[in-house]
Amino acid sequence: MQMTENTKNPFTWVEIYVDNMSRAQKFYEEVLQIQMIPMQTPGEFVDLEMLSFPWAEGGTNISGALCKTNEMKPGSGGTLVYFTCEDCANETDRVENAGGTVLQNKYPIGEHGFCSIVIDTEGNTIGFHSNK
């Protein structure tokens, strides 16, 4: 399907579930070279801790958060989230030092660029995508 100016991106938010928030925060901040943003959760969710990924308010990007709760658990084999990168090899190179595991180093995906797949410190499989 060809994207047009009227095409709406249906993605709005991503939650990555974790068992150890400080360990997961350190992993994502180190690998993505970002600073996570503490979030206040709604009062009815007393068993929920969240740290948001950076976002541009009103921009065309989506964002998400690391979430710690007894209701949901991290793991591999479910949803695969891809993070956009300038060159996904850079983020992949930081994964093992940050405590994660590289499953697939940077590989070409034809006209769509390149990607790599790793496992974070919580057991979640995530991907990195870049155009070069």
C-alpha atoms as a PDB file:
ATOM      1  CA  MET A   1       0.000   0.000   0.000  1.00  0.00           C
ATOM      2  CA  GLN A   2       1.358   3.382  -0.993  1.00  0.00           C
ATOM      3  CA  MET A   3       1.358   6.073   1.713  1.00  0.00           C
ATOM      4  CA  THR A   4      -0.450   9.283   0.772  1.00  0.00           C
ATOM      5  CA  GLU A   5      -0.853  12.564   2.628  1.00  0.00           C
ATOM      6  CA  ASN A   6      -4.266  11.310   3.829  1.00  0.00           C
ATOM      7  CA  THR A   7      -2.900   8.003   5.137  1.00  0.00           C
ATOM      8  CA  LYS A   8      -3.182   7.836   8.912  1.00  0.00           C
ATOM      9  CA  ASN A   9      -0.562   6.005  10.952  1.00  0.00           C
ATOM     10  CA  PRO A  10      -2.615   3.905  13.391  1.00  0.00           C
ATOM     11  CA  PHE A  11       0.162   3.551  15.969  1.00  0.00           C
ATOM     12  CA  THR A  12      -0.012   5.882  18.932  1.00  0.00           C
ATOM     13  CA  TRP A  13       1.623   4.248  21.961  1.00  0.00           C
ATOM     14  CA  VAL A  14       3.850   1.287  22.866  1.00  0.00           C
ATOM     15  CA  GLU A  15       4.278  -0.326  26.274  1.00  0.00           C
ATOM     16  CA  ILE A  16       7.280  -2.542  27.018  1.00  0.00           C
ATOM     17  CA  TYR A  17       6.715  -4.544  30.184  1.00  0.00           C
ATOM     18  CA  VAL A  18       9.591  -5.027  32.609  1.00  0.00           C
ATOM     19  CA  ASP A  19      10.343  -6.803  35.890  1.00  0.00           C
ATOM     20  CA  ASN A  20      13.172  -4.511  36.998  1.00  0.00           C
ATOM     21  CA  MET A  21      12.556  -0.856  36.121  1.00  0.00           C
ATOM     22  CA  SER A  22      16.010   0.487  37.005  1.00  0.00           C
ATOM     23  CA  ARG A  23      17.769  -2.255  35.023  1.00  0.00           C
ATOM     24  CA  ALA A  24      15.483  -1.713  32.012  1.00  0.00           C
ATOM     25  CA  GLN A  25      15.856   2.079  32.229  1.00  0.00           C
ATOM     26  CA  LYS A  26      19.656   1.766  32.234  1.00  0.00           C
ATOM     27  CA  PHE A  27      19.532  -0.587  29.213  1.00  0.00           C
ATOM     28  CA  TYR A  28      17.327   1.670  27.039  1.00  0.00           C
ATOM     29  CA  GLU A  29      19.080   4.896  28.033  1.00  0.00           C
ATOM     30  CA  GLU A  30      22.497   3.374  27.280  1.00  0.00           C
ATOM     31  CA  VAL A  31      21.575   1.665  24.006  1.00  0.00           C
ATOM     32  CA  LEU A  32      19.379   4.437  22.552  1.00  0.00           C
ATOM     33  CA  GLN A  33      21.393   7.305  24.077  1.00  0.00           C
ATOM     34  CA  ILE A  34      18.234   8.927  25.478  1.00  0.00           C
ATOM     35  CA  GLN A  35      16.855   9.967  28.860  1.00  0.00           C
ATOM     36  CA  MET A  36      13.656   8.293  30.040  1.00  0.00           C
ATOM     37  CA  ILE A  37      10.935  10.549  31.463  1.00  0.00           C
ATOM     38  CA  PRO A  38       9.165   9.611  34.740  1.00  0.00           C
ATOM     39  CA  MET A  39       5.395   9.478  34.318  1.00  0.00           C
ATOM     40  CA  GLN A  40       2.625   9.971  36.821  1.00  0.00           C
ATOM     41  CA  THR A  41       0.141   7.122  36.490  1.00  0.00           C
ATOM     42  CA  PRO A  42      -3.610   7.536  36.981  1.00  0.00           C
ATOM     43  CA  GLY A  43      -4.752   7.020  40.584  1.00  0.00           C
ATOM     44  CA  GLU A  44      -6.648   3.795  39.896  1.00  0.00           C
ATOM     45  CA  PHE A  45      -3.439   2.063  38.752  1.00  0.00           C
ATOM     46  CA  VAL A  46      -1.597   1.746  42.076  1.00  0.00           C
ATOM     47  CA  ASP A  47       0.481  -1.215  40.825  1.00  0.00           C
ATOM     48  CA  LEU A  48       1.916   0.532  37.773  1.00  0.00           C
ATOM     49  CA  GLU A  49       5.274   2.271  37.381  1.00  0.00           C
ATOM     50  CA  MET A  50       6.026   3.974  34.053  1.00  0.00           C
ATOM     51  CA  LEU A  51       8.986   5.687  32.370  1.00  0.00           C
ATOM     52  CA  SER A  52       8.251   7.306  29.022  1.00  0.00           C
ATOM     53  CA  PHE A  53      10.452   7.399  25.956  1.00  0.00           C
ATOM     54  CA  PRO A  54      11.046  10.963  24.667  1.00  0.00           C
ATOM     55  CA  TRP A  55       8.542  12.399  22.192  1.00  0.00           C
ATOM     56  CA  ALA A  56       7.768  15.626  20.345  1.00  0.00           C
ATOM     57  CA  GLU A  57       4.381  16.954  21.475  1.00  0.00           C
ATOM     58  CA  GLY A  58       2.153  17.474  18.443  1.00  0.00           C
ATOM     59  CA  GLY A  59       4.670  15.765  16.147  1.00  0.00           C
ATOM     60  CA  THR A  60       4.028  12.869  13.795  1.00  0.00           C
ATOM     61  CA  ASN A  61       5.967  10.430  15.969  1.00  0.00           C
ATOM     62  CA  ILE A  62       4.575   7.960  18.466  1.00  0.00           C
ATOM     63  CA  SER A  63       5.969   7.235  21.879  1.00  0.00           C
ATOM     64  CA  GLY A  64       5.647   4.680  24.611  1.00  0.00           C
ATOM     65  CA  ALA A  65       6.857   3.658  28.028  1.00  0.00           C
ATOM     66  CA  LEU A  66       8.542   1.020  30.086  1.00  0.00           C
ATOM     67  CA  CYS A  67       5.840  -0.362  32.384  1.00  0.00           C
ATOM     68  CA  LYS A  68       6.195  -2.361  35.598  1.00  0.00           C
ATOM     69  CA  THR A  69       3.040  -4.019  36.923  1.00  0.00           C
ATOM     70  CA  ASN A  70       1.919  -7.368  38.297  1.00  0.00           C
ATOM     71  CA  GLU A  71      -0.805  -7.454  35.621  1.00  0.00           C
ATOM     72  CA  MET A  72       1.521  -7.902  32.612  1.00  0.00           C
ATOM     73  CA  LYS A  73       4.886  -9.620  32.231  1.00  0.00           C
ATOM     74  CA  PRO A  74       7.803  -9.144  29.814  1.00  0.00           C
ATOM     75  CA  GLY A  75       8.799 -11.830  27.386  1.00  0.00           C
ATOM     76  CA  SER A  76       9.812 -12.820  23.907  1.00  0.00           C
ATOM     77  CA  GLY A  77       7.599 -14.063  21.101  1.00  0.00           C
ATOM     78  CA  GLY A  78       4.804 -11.510  21.244  1.00  0.00           C
ATOM     79  CA  THR A  79       4.837  -7.974  19.896  1.00  0.00           C
ATOM     80  CA  LEU A  80       8.051  -6.785  18.248  1.00  0.00           C
ATOM     81  CA  VAL A  81       8.730  -3.054  18.583  1.00  0.00           C
ATOM     82  CA  TYR A  82      11.230  -1.394  16.223  1.00  0.00           C
ATOM     83  CA  PHE A  83      13.107   1.753  17.254  1.00  0.00           C
ATOM     84  CA  THR A  84      14.164   4.139  14.487  1.00  0.00           C
ATOM     85  CA  CYS A  85      17.893   4.872  14.294  1.00  0.00           C
ATOM     86  CA  GLU A  86      20.346   6.769  12.129  1.00  0.00           C
ATOM     87  CA  ASP A  87      22.337   3.532  11.690  1.00  0.00           C
ATOM     88  CA  CYS A  88      20.969   0.518  13.569  1.00  0.00           C
ATOM     89  CA  ALA A  89      24.480  -0.959  13.830  1.00  0.00           C
ATOM     90  CA  ASN A  90      25.326   1.729  16.422  1.00  0.00           C
ATOM     91  CA  GLU A  91      22.513   0.774  18.816  1.00  0.00           C
ATOM     92  CA  THR A  92      23.149  -2.931  18.241  1.00  0.00           C
ATOM     93  CA  ASP A  93      26.830  -2.454  19.121  1.00  0.00           C
ATOM     94  CA  ARG A  94      25.799  -1.071  22.553  1.00  0.00           C
ATOM     95  CA  VAL A  95      23.385  -3.902  23.451  1.00  0.00           C
ATOM     96  CA  GLU A  96      25.752  -6.444  25.033  1.00  0.00           C
ATOM     97  CA  ASN A  97      27.556  -3.845  27.180  1.00  0.00           C
ATOM     98  CA  ALA A  98      24.124  -2.730  28.407  1.00  0.00           C
ATOM     99  CA  GLY A  99      23.244  -6.295  29.471  1.00  0.00           C
ATOM    100  CA  GLY A 100      21.198  -7.412  26.450  1.00  0.00           C
ATOM    101  CA  THR A 101      21.711 -10.067  23.776  1.00  0.00           C
ATOM    102  CA  VAL A 102      22.048  -9.573  20.017  1.00  0.00           C
ATOM    103  CA  LEU A 103      19.900 -12.020  18.032  1.00  0.00           C
ATOM    104  CA  GLN A 104      20.539 -10.612  14.551  1.00  0.00           C
ATOM    105  CA  ASN A 105      23.119  -7.970  13.675  1.00  0.00           C
ATOM    106  CA  LYS A 106      22.274  -5.332  11.094  1.00  0.00           C
ATOM    107  CA  TYR A 107      20.883  -6.856   7.896  1.00  0.00           C
ATOM    108  CA  PRO A 108      19.344  -5.395   4.722  1.00  0.00           C
ATOM    109  CA  ILE A 109      15.595  -5.411   4.146  1.00  0.00           C
ATOM    110  CA  GLY A 110      15.643  -4.304   0.521  1.00  0.00           C
ATOM    111  CA  GLU A 111      14.281  -0.870  -0.319  1.00  0.00           C
ATOM    112  CA  HIS A 112      13.144  -0.441   3.306  1.00  0.00           C
ATOM    113  CA  GLY A 113      16.655  -0.094   4.720  1.00  0.00           C
ATOM    114  CA  PHE A 114      18.198  -2.178   7.479  1.00  0.00           C
ATOM    115  CA  CYS A 115      17.268  -3.666  10.825  1.00  0.00           C
ATOM    116  CA  SER A 116      18.655  -5.684  13.716  1.00  0.00           C
ATOM    117  CA  ILE A 117      16.949  -7.684  16.466  1.00  0.00           C
ATOM    118  CA  VAL A 118      18.031  -7.928  20.106  1.00  0.00           C
ATOM    119  CA  ILE A 119      16.775  -9.023  23.527  1.00  0.00           C
ATOM    120  CA  ASP A 120      16.667  -6.429  26.304  1.00  0.00           C
ATOM    121  CA  THR A 121      17.553  -7.074  29.955  1.00  0.00           C
ATOM    122  CA  GLU A 122      13.944  -8.080  30.711  1.00  0.00           C
ATOM    123  CA  GLY A 123      13.662 -10.773  28.018  1.00  0.00           C
ATOM    124  CA  ASN A 124      11.741  -8.633  25.498  1.00  0.00           C
ATOM    125  CA  THR A 125      12.698  -8.976  21.840  1.00  0.00           C
ATOM    126  CA  ILE A 126      13.031  -5.547  20.207  1.00  0.00           C
ATOM    127  CA  GLY A 127      14.255  -4.308  16.839  1.00  0.00           C
ATOM    128  CA  PHE A 128      16.197  -1.352  15.474  1.00  0.00           C
ATOM    129  CA  HIS A 129      15.531   0.110  12.016  1.00  0.00           C
ATOM    130  CA  SER A 130      17.531   2.538   9.884  1.00  0.00           C
ATOM    131  CA  ASN A 131      17.561   3.680   6.277  1.00  0.00           C
ATOM    132  CA  LYS A 132      21.347   3.260   5.983  1.00  0.00           C
END
